[in-house]
């Protein structure tokens, strides 16, 4: 994403999804990626909350409908 000249919502939404899934695994005790160290888990939780806050702002964008391939349904 950092090498792209123009980062678009359609390219960033899948990246957000992948990051959120990975972080959720680090915080889930039942996941094999679970982080055992509490202080690191605390930092991961803070980052997760911030990432979710920015991700939720994509819902406010009209471009989100296009980026998630719901644009055709939106038109009709």
PDB file of N, CA and C in Angstrom:
ATOM      1  N   UNK A   1       0.832  -1.183   0.000  1.00  0.00           N
ATOM      2  CA  UNK A   1       0.000   0.000   0.000  1.00  0.00           C
ATOM      3  C   UNK A   1       0.879   1.250   0.000  1.00  0.00           C
ATOM      4  N   UNK A   2       1.997   1.211   0.719  1.00  0.00           N
ATOM      5  CA  UNK A   2       2.845   2.400   0.797  1.00  0.00           C
ATOM      6  C   UNK A   2       3.532   2.703  -0.528  1.00  0.00           C
ATOM      7  N   UNK A   3       3.624   1.724  -1.419  1.00  0.00           N
ATOM      8  CA  UNK A   3       4.265   1.950  -2.707  1.00  0.00           C
ATOM      9  C   UNK A   3       3.275   2.430  -3.763  1.00  0.00           C
ATOM     10  N   UNK A   4       2.008   2.427  -3.433  1.00  0.00           N
ATOM     11  CA  UNK A   4       1.002   2.874  -4.383  1.00  0.00           C
ATOM     12  C   UNK A   4       1.030   4.387  -4.492  1.00  0.00           C
ATOM     13  N   UNK A   5       0.870   4.869  -5.699  1.00  0.00           N
ATOM     14  CA  UNK A   5       0.814   6.315  -5.885  1.00  0.00           C
ATOM     15  C   UNK A   5      -0.484   6.872  -5.300  1.00  0.00           C
ATOM     16  N   UNK A   6      -1.579   6.124  -5.507  1.00  0.00           N
ATOM     17  CA  UNK A   6      -2.874   6.527  -4.985  1.00  0.00           C
ATOM     18  C   UNK A   6      -3.489   5.348  -4.233  1.00  0.00           C
ATOM     19  N   UNK A   7      -3.680   5.508  -2.962  1.00  0.00           N
ATOM     20  CA  UNK A   7      -4.326   4.470  -2.170  1.00  0.00           C
ATOM     21  C   UNK A   7      -5.820   4.727  -2.202  1.00  0.00           C
ATOM     22  N   UNK A   8      -6.567   3.736  -2.635  1.00  0.00           N
ATOM     23  CA  UNK A   8      -8.004   3.895  -2.737  1.00  0.00           C
ATOM     24  C   UNK A   8      -8.690   3.069  -1.661  1.00  0.00           C
ATOM     25  N   UNK A   9      -9.925   3.405  -1.412  1.00  0.00           N
ATOM     26  CA  UNK A   9     -10.699   2.686  -0.414  1.00  0.00           C
ATOM     27  C   UNK A   9     -10.830   1.215  -0.784  1.00  0.00           C
ATOM     28  N   UNK A  10     -10.977   0.943  -2.073  1.00  0.00           N
ATOM     29  CA  UNK A  10     -11.140  -0.448  -2.494  1.00  0.00           C
ATOM     30  C   UNK A  10      -9.894  -1.284  -2.239  1.00  0.00           C
ATOM     31  N   UNK A  11      -8.729  -0.649  -2.179  1.00  0.00           N
ATOM     32  CA  UNK A  11      -7.518  -1.409  -1.867  1.00  0.00           C
ATOM     33  C   UNK A  11      -7.237  -1.439  -0.369  1.00  0.00           C
ATOM     34  N   UNK A  12      -7.724  -0.468   0.365  1.00  0.00           N
ATOM     35  CA  UNK A  12      -7.423  -0.428   1.798  1.00  0.00           C
ATOM     36  C   UNK A  12      -8.395  -1.262   2.641  1.00  0.00           C
ATOM     37  N   UNK A  13      -9.635  -1.431   2.204  1.00  0.00           N
ATOM     38  CA  UNK A  13     -10.604  -2.214   2.976  1.00  0.00           C
ATOM     39  C   UNK A  13     -10.138  -3.655   3.172  1.00  0.00           C
ATOM     40  N   UNK A  14      -9.675  -4.348   2.135  1.00  0.00           N
ATOM     41  CA  UNK A  14      -9.182  -5.717   2.363  1.00  0.00           C
ATOM     42  C   UNK A  14      -7.978  -5.766   3.306  1.00  0.00           C
ATOM     43  N   UNK A  15      -7.148  -4.744   3.265  1.00  0.00           N
ATOM     44  CA  UNK A  15      -5.988  -4.699   4.164  1.00  0.00           C
ATOM     45  C   UNK A  15      -6.463  -4.527   5.603  1.00  0.00           C
ATOM     46  N   UNK A  16      -7.410  -3.630   5.828  1.00  0.00           N
ATOM     47  CA  UNK A  16      -7.987  -3.480   7.165  1.00  0.00           C
ATOM     48  C   UNK A  16      -8.557  -4.812   7.649  1.00  0.00           C
ATOM     49  N   UNK A  17      -9.292  -5.499   6.782  1.00  0.00           N
ATOM     50  CA  UNK A  17      -9.891  -6.779   7.170  1.00  0.00           C
ATOM     51  C   UNK A  17      -8.828  -7.788   7.581  1.00  0.00           C
ATOM     52  N   UNK A  18      -7.772  -7.885   6.815  1.00  0.00           N
ATOM     53  CA  UNK A  18      -6.696  -8.830   7.115  1.00  0.00           C
ATOM     54  C   UNK A  18      -6.007  -8.472   8.429  1.00  0.00           C
ATOM     55  N   UNK A  19      -5.729  -7.199   8.634  1.00  0.00           N
ATOM     56  CA  UNK A  19      -5.095  -6.758   9.887  1.00  0.00           C
ATOM     57  C   UNK A  19      -5.984  -7.040  11.089  1.00  0.00           C
ATOM     58  N   UNK A  20      -7.253  -6.714  10.978  1.00  0.00           N
ATOM     59  CA  UNK A  20      -8.174  -6.948  12.090  1.00  0.00           C
ATOM     60  C   UNK A  20      -8.280  -8.438  12.411  1.00  0.00           C
ATOM     61  N   UNK A  21      -8.344  -9.284  11.387  1.00  0.00           N
ATOM     62  CA  UNK A  21      -8.402 -10.734  11.618  1.00  0.00           C
ATOM     63  C   UNK A  21      -7.152 -11.226  12.345  1.00  0.00           C
ATOM     64  N   UNK A  22      -6.001 -10.742  11.912  1.00  0.00           N
ATOM     65  CA  UNK A  22      -4.746 -11.163  12.540  1.00  0.00           C
ATOM     66  C   UNK A  22      -4.684 -10.719  14.005  1.00  0.00           C
ATOM     67  N   UNK A  23      -5.047  -9.485  14.255  1.00  0.00           N
ATOM     68  CA  UNK A  23      -5.007  -8.960  15.620  1.00  0.00           C
ATOM     69  C   UNK A  23      -6.006  -9.692  16.512  1.00  0.00           C
ATOM     70  N   UNK A  24      -7.175  -9.992  15.977  1.00  0.00           N
ATOM     71  CA  UNK A  24      -8.167 -10.748  16.754  1.00  0.00           C
ATOM     72  C   UNK A  24      -7.599 -12.099  17.172  1.00  0.00           C
ATOM     73  N   UNK A  25      -6.821 -12.731  16.308  1.00  0.00           N
ATOM     74  CA  UNK A  25      -6.175 -13.999  16.652  1.00  0.00           C
ATOM     75  C   UNK A  25      -5.178 -13.842  17.788  1.00  0.00           C
ATOM     76  N   UNK A  26      -4.460 -12.733  17.801  1.00  0.00           N
ATOM     77  CA  UNK A  26      -3.492 -12.483  18.872  1.00  0.00           C
ATOM     78  C   UNK A  26      -4.175 -12.280  20.220  1.00  0.00           C
ATOM     79  N   UNK A  27      -5.410 -11.829  20.193  1.00  0.00           N
ATOM     80  CA  UNK A  27      -6.132 -11.540  21.432  1.00  0.00           C
ATOM     81  C   UNK A  27      -7.059 -12.677  21.873  1.00  0.00           C
ATOM     82  N   UNK A  28      -7.276 -13.649  21.007  1.00  0.00           N
ATOM     83  CA  UNK A  28      -8.199 -14.748  21.284  1.00  0.00           C
ATOM     84  C   UNK A  28      -7.456 -15.924  21.927  1.00  0.00           C
ATOM     85  N   UNK A  29      -7.825 -16.256  23.151  1.00  0.00           N
ATOM     86  CA  UNK A  29      -7.153 -17.334  23.887  1.00  0.00           C
ATOM     87  C   UNK A  29      -7.236 -18.686  23.182  1.00  0.00           C
ATOM     88  N   UNK A  30      -8.240 -18.884  22.363  1.00  0.00           N
ATOM     89  CA  UNK A  30      -8.424 -20.152  21.669  1.00  0.00           C
ATOM     90  C   UNK A  30      -7.662 -20.230  20.345  1.00  0.00           C
ATOM     91  N   UNK A  31      -7.040 -19.138  19.939  1.00  0.00           N
ATOM     92  CA  UNK A  31      -6.325 -19.102  18.665  1.00  0.00           C
ATOM     93  C   UNK A  31      -4.863 -19.489  18.880  1.00  0.00           C
ATOM     94  N   UNK A  32      -4.283 -20.156  17.890  1.00  0.00           N
ATOM     95  CA  UNK A  32      -2.881 -20.576  18.011  1.00  0.00           C
ATOM     96  C   UNK A  32      -1.912 -19.399  18.006  1.00  0.00           C
ATOM     97  N   UNK A  33      -2.344 -18.235  17.498  1.00  0.00           N
ATOM     98  CA  UNK A  33      -1.489 -17.040  17.472  1.00  0.00           C
ATOM     99  C   UNK A  33      -1.582 -16.214  18.769  1.00  0.00           C
ATOM    100  N   UNK A  34      -2.360 -16.677  19.741  1.00  0.00           N
ATOM    101  CA  UNK A  34      -2.606 -15.930  20.977  1.00  0.00           C
ATOM    102  C   UNK A  34      -1.300 -15.465  21.613  1.00  0.00           C
ATOM    103  N   UNK A  35      -1.259 -14.225  22.006  1.00  0.00           N
ATOM    104  CA  UNK A  35      -0.086 -13.649  22.658  1.00  0.00           C
ATOM    105  C   UNK A  35      -0.203 -13.866  24.165  1.00  0.00           C
ATOM    106  N   UNK A  36       0.753 -14.570  24.737  1.00  0.00           N
ATOM    107  CA  UNK A  36       0.720 -14.933  26.151  1.00  0.00           C
ATOM    108  C   UNK A  36       1.120 -13.790  27.088  1.00  0.00           C
ATOM    109  N   UNK A  37       1.861 -12.821  26.589  1.00  0.00           N
ATOM    110  CA  UNK A  37       2.425 -11.762  27.440  1.00  0.00           C
ATOM    111  C   UNK A  37       1.411 -10.630  27.593  1.00  0.00           C
ATOM    112  N   UNK A  38       0.964 -10.417  28.827  1.00  0.00           N
ATOM    113  CA  UNK A  38      -0.110  -9.463  29.114  1.00  0.00           C
ATOM    114  C   UNK A  38       0.230  -8.043  28.665  1.00  0.00           C
ATOM    115  N   UNK A  39       1.444  -7.576  28.920  1.00  0.00           N
ATOM    116  CA  UNK A  39       1.784  -6.194  28.562  1.00  0.00           C
ATOM    117  C   UNK A  39       1.751  -5.992  27.045  1.00  0.00           C
ATOM    118  N   UNK A  40       2.154  -7.003  26.298  1.00  0.00           N
ATOM    119  CA  UNK A  40       2.091  -6.906  24.838  1.00  0.00           C
ATOM    120  C   UNK A  40       0.639  -6.980  24.378  1.00  0.00           C
ATOM    121  N   UNK A  41      -0.152  -7.848  25.009  1.00  0.00           N
ATOM    122  CA  UNK A  41      -1.574  -7.938  24.673  1.00  0.00           C
ATOM    123  C   UNK A  41      -2.285  -6.617  24.926  1.00  0.00           C
ATOM    124  N   UNK A  42      -1.899  -5.921  25.998  1.00  0.00           N
ATOM    125  CA  UNK A  42      -2.491  -4.606  26.276  1.00  0.00           C
ATOM    126  C   UNK A  42      -2.203  -3.630  25.136  1.00  0.00           C
ATOM    127  N   UNK A  43      -0.961  -3.635  24.644  1.00  0.00           N
ATOM    128  CA  UNK A  43      -0.589  -2.753  23.539  1.00  0.00           C
ATOM    129  C   UNK A  43      -1.335  -3.156  22.259  1.00  0.00           C
ATOM    130  N   UNK A  44      -1.451  -4.468  22.030  1.00  0.00           N
ATOM    131  CA  UNK A  44      -2.181  -4.961  20.859  1.00  0.00           C
ATOM    132  C   UNK A  44      -3.640  -4.510  20.933  1.00  0.00           C
ATOM    133  N   UNK A  45      -4.231  -4.587  22.117  1.00  0.00           N
ATOM    134  CA  UNK A  45      -5.632  -4.183  22.297  1.00  0.00           C
ATOM    135  C   UNK A  45      -5.817  -2.707  21.965  1.00  0.00           C
ATOM    136  N   UNK A  46      -4.877  -1.861  22.411  1.00  0.00           N
ATOM    137  CA  UNK A  46      -4.959  -0.418  22.112  1.00  0.00           C
ATOM    138  C   UNK A  46      -4.887  -0.179  20.604  1.00  0.00           C
ATOM    139  N   UNK A  47      -3.956  -0.863  19.935  1.00  0.00           N
ATOM    140  CA  UNK A  47      -3.834  -0.724  18.492  1.00  0.00           C
ATOM    141  C   UNK A  47      -5.075  -1.216  17.775  1.00  0.00           C
ATOM    142  N   UNK A  48      -5.640  -2.308  18.267  1.00  0.00           N
ATOM    143  CA  UNK A  48      -6.850  -2.879  17.696  1.00  0.00           C
ATOM    144  C   UNK A  48      -8.009  -1.888  17.786  1.00  0.00           C
ATOM    145  N   UNK A  49      -8.159  -1.259  18.923  1.00  0.00           N
ATOM    146  CA  UNK A  49      -9.232  -0.280  19.114  1.00  0.00           C
ATOM    147  C   UNK A  49      -9.071   0.903  18.165  1.00  0.00           C
ATOM    148  N   UNK A  50      -7.838   1.379  18.002  1.00  0.00           N
ATOM    149  CA  UNK A  50      -7.600   2.511  17.101  1.00  0.00           C
ATOM    150  C   UNK A  50      -7.860   2.102  15.652  1.00  0.00           C
ATOM    151  N   UNK A  51      -7.411   0.925  15.263  1.00  0.00           N
ATOM    152  CA  UNK A  51      -7.630   0.446  13.910  1.00  0.00           C
ATOM    153  C   UNK A  51      -9.127   0.312  13.614  1.00  0.00           C
ATOM    154  N   UNK A  52      -9.885  -0.211  14.572  1.00  0.00           N
ATOM    155  CA  UNK A  52     -11.339  -0.341  14.396  1.00  0.00           C
ATOM    156  C   UNK A  52     -12.007   1.028  14.290  1.00  0.00           C
ATOM    157  N   UNK A  53     -11.487   2.001  15.033  1.00  0.00           N
ATOM    158  CA  UNK A  53     -12.062   3.348  14.973  1.00  0.00           C
ATOM    159  C   UNK A  53     -11.890   3.933  13.564  1.00  0.00           C
ATOM    160  N   UNK A  54     -10.696   3.790  12.995  1.00  0.00           N
ATOM    161  CA  UNK A  54     -10.472   4.301  11.647  1.00  0.00           C
ATOM    162  C   UNK A  54     -11.237   3.484  10.614  1.00  0.00           C
ATOM    163  N   UNK A  55     -11.298   2.179  10.812  1.00  0.00           N
ATOM    164  CA  UNK A  55     -12.019   1.315   9.877  1.00  0.00           C
ATOM    165  C   UNK A  55     -13.508   1.663   9.844  1.00  0.00           C
ATOM    166  N   UNK A  56     -14.062   1.984  10.994  1.00  0.00           N
ATOM    167  CA  UNK A  56     -15.495   2.307  11.043  1.00  0.00           C
ATOM    168  C   UNK A  56     -15.816   3.579  10.264  1.00  0.00           C
ATOM    169  N   UNK A  57     -14.831   4.442  10.062  1.00  0.00           N
ATOM    170  CA  UNK A  57     -15.063   5.672   9.304  1.00  0.00           C
ATOM    171  C   UNK A  57     -15.301   5.389   7.825  1.00  0.00           C
ATOM    172  N   UNK A  58     -14.899   4.206   7.348  1.00  0.00           N
ATOM    173  CA  UNK A  58     -15.166   3.874   5.946  1.00  0.00           C
ATOM    174  C   UNK A  58     -16.666   3.737   5.697  1.00  0.00           C
ATOM    175  N   UNK A  59     -17.427   3.411   6.729  1.00  0.00           N
ATOM    176  CA  UNK A  59     -18.880   3.294   6.583  1.00  0.00           C
ATOM    177  C   UNK A  59     -19.528   4.631   6.241  1.00  0.00           C
ATOM    178  N   UNK A  60     -18.867   5.728   6.623  1.00  0.00           N
ATOM    179  CA  UNK A  60     -19.415   7.061   6.384  1.00  0.00           C
ATOM    180  C   UNK A  60     -19.184   7.546   4.963  1.00  0.00           C
ATOM    181  N   UNK A  61     -18.432   6.802   4.191  1.00  0.00           N
ATOM    182  CA  UNK A  61     -18.059   7.224   2.856  1.00  0.00           C
ATOM    183  C   UNK A  61     -18.970   6.596   1.807  1.00  0.00           C
ATOM    184  N   UNK A  62     -19.370   7.400   0.822  1.00  0.00           N
ATOM    185  CA  UNK A  62     -20.127   6.850  -0.297  1.00  0.00           C
ATOM    186  C   UNK A  62     -19.254   5.888  -1.094  1.00  0.00           C
ATOM    187  N   UNK A  63     -17.961   6.126  -1.074  1.00  0.00           N
ATOM    188  CA  UNK A  63     -17.040   5.258  -1.798  1.00  0.00           C
ATOM    189  C   UNK A  63     -16.999   3.864  -1.194  1.00  0.00           C
ATOM    190  N   UNK A  64     -17.373   3.733   0.074  1.00  0.00           N
ATOM    191  CA  UNK A  64     -17.380   2.415   0.713  1.00  0.00           C
ATOM    192  C   UNK A  64     -18.306   1.465  -0.023  1.00  0.00           C
ATOM    193  N   UNK A  65     -19.431   1.949  -0.470  1.00  0.00           N
ATOM    194  CA  UNK A  65     -20.389   1.128  -1.209  1.00  0.00           C
ATOM    195  C   UNK A  65     -19.749   0.597  -2.484  1.00  0.00           C
ATOM    196  N   UNK A  66     -19.007   1.435  -3.151  1.00  0.00           N
ATOM    197  CA  UNK A  66     -18.319   1.020  -4.377  1.00  0.00           C
ATOM    198  C   UNK A  66     -17.194   0.047  -4.027  1.00  0.00           C
ATOM    199  N   UNK A  67     -16.442   0.352  -2.997  1.00  0.00           N
ATOM    200  CA  UNK A  67     -15.280  -0.452  -2.626  1.00  0.00           C
ATOM    201  C   UNK A  67     -15.660  -1.860  -2.200  1.00  0.00           C
ATOM    202  N   UNK A  68     -16.835  -2.021  -1.674  1.00  0.00           N
ATOM    203  CA  UNK A  68     -17.251  -3.341  -1.203  1.00  0.00           C
ATOM    204  C   UNK A  68     -18.142  -4.052  -2.216  1.00  0.00           C
ATOM    205  N   UNK A  69     -18.139  -3.563  -3.432  1.00  0.00           N
ATOM    206  CA  UNK A  69     -18.866  -4.176  -4.552  1.00  0.00           C
ATOM    207  C   UNK A  69     -20.379  -4.198  -4.361  1.00  0.00           C
ATOM    208  N   UNK A  70     -20.895  -3.327  -3.556  1.00  0.00           N
ATOM    209  CA  UNK A  70     -22.337  -3.218  -3.390  1.00  0.00           C
ATOM    210  C   UNK A  70     -22.898  -2.068  -4.219  1.00  0.00           C
ATOM    211  N   UNK A  71     -22.061  -1.466  -5.028  1.00  0.00           N
ATOM    212  CA  UNK A  71     -22.466  -0.290  -5.786  1.00  0.00           C
ATOM    213  C   UNK A  71     -23.603  -0.597  -6.757  1.00  0.00           C
ATOM    214  N   UNK A  72     -23.536  -1.735  -7.408  1.00  0.00           N
ATOM    215  CA  UNK A  72     -24.581  -2.088  -8.369  1.00  0.00           C
ATOM    216  C   UNK A  72     -25.919  -2.229  -7.676  1.00  0.00           C
ATOM    217  N   UNK A  73     -25.935  -2.853  -6.523  1.00  0.00           N
ATOM    218  CA  UNK A  73     -27.170  -2.985  -5.745  1.00  0.00           C
ATOM    219  C   UNK A  73     -27.657  -1.603  -5.317  1.00  0.00           C
ATOM    220  N   UNK A  74     -26.708  -0.731  -4.944  1.00  0.00           N
ATOM    221  CA  UNK A  74     -27.026   0.623  -4.513  1.00  0.00           C
ATOM    222  C   UNK A  74     -27.736   1.411  -5.624  1.00  0.00           C
ATOM    223  N   UNK A  75     -27.311   1.198  -6.874  1.00  0.00           N
ATOM    224  CA  UNK A  75     -27.894   1.932  -8.001  1.00  0.00           C
ATOM    225  C   UNK A  75     -29.341   1.533  -8.244  1.00  0.00           C
ATOM    226  N   UNK A  76     -29.658   0.287  -7.993  1.00  0.00           N
ATOM    227  CA  UNK A  76     -31.002  -0.215  -8.271  1.00  0.00           C
ATOM    228  C   UNK A  76     -31.778  -0.195  -7.015  1.00  0.00           C
TER     229      UNK A  76
END
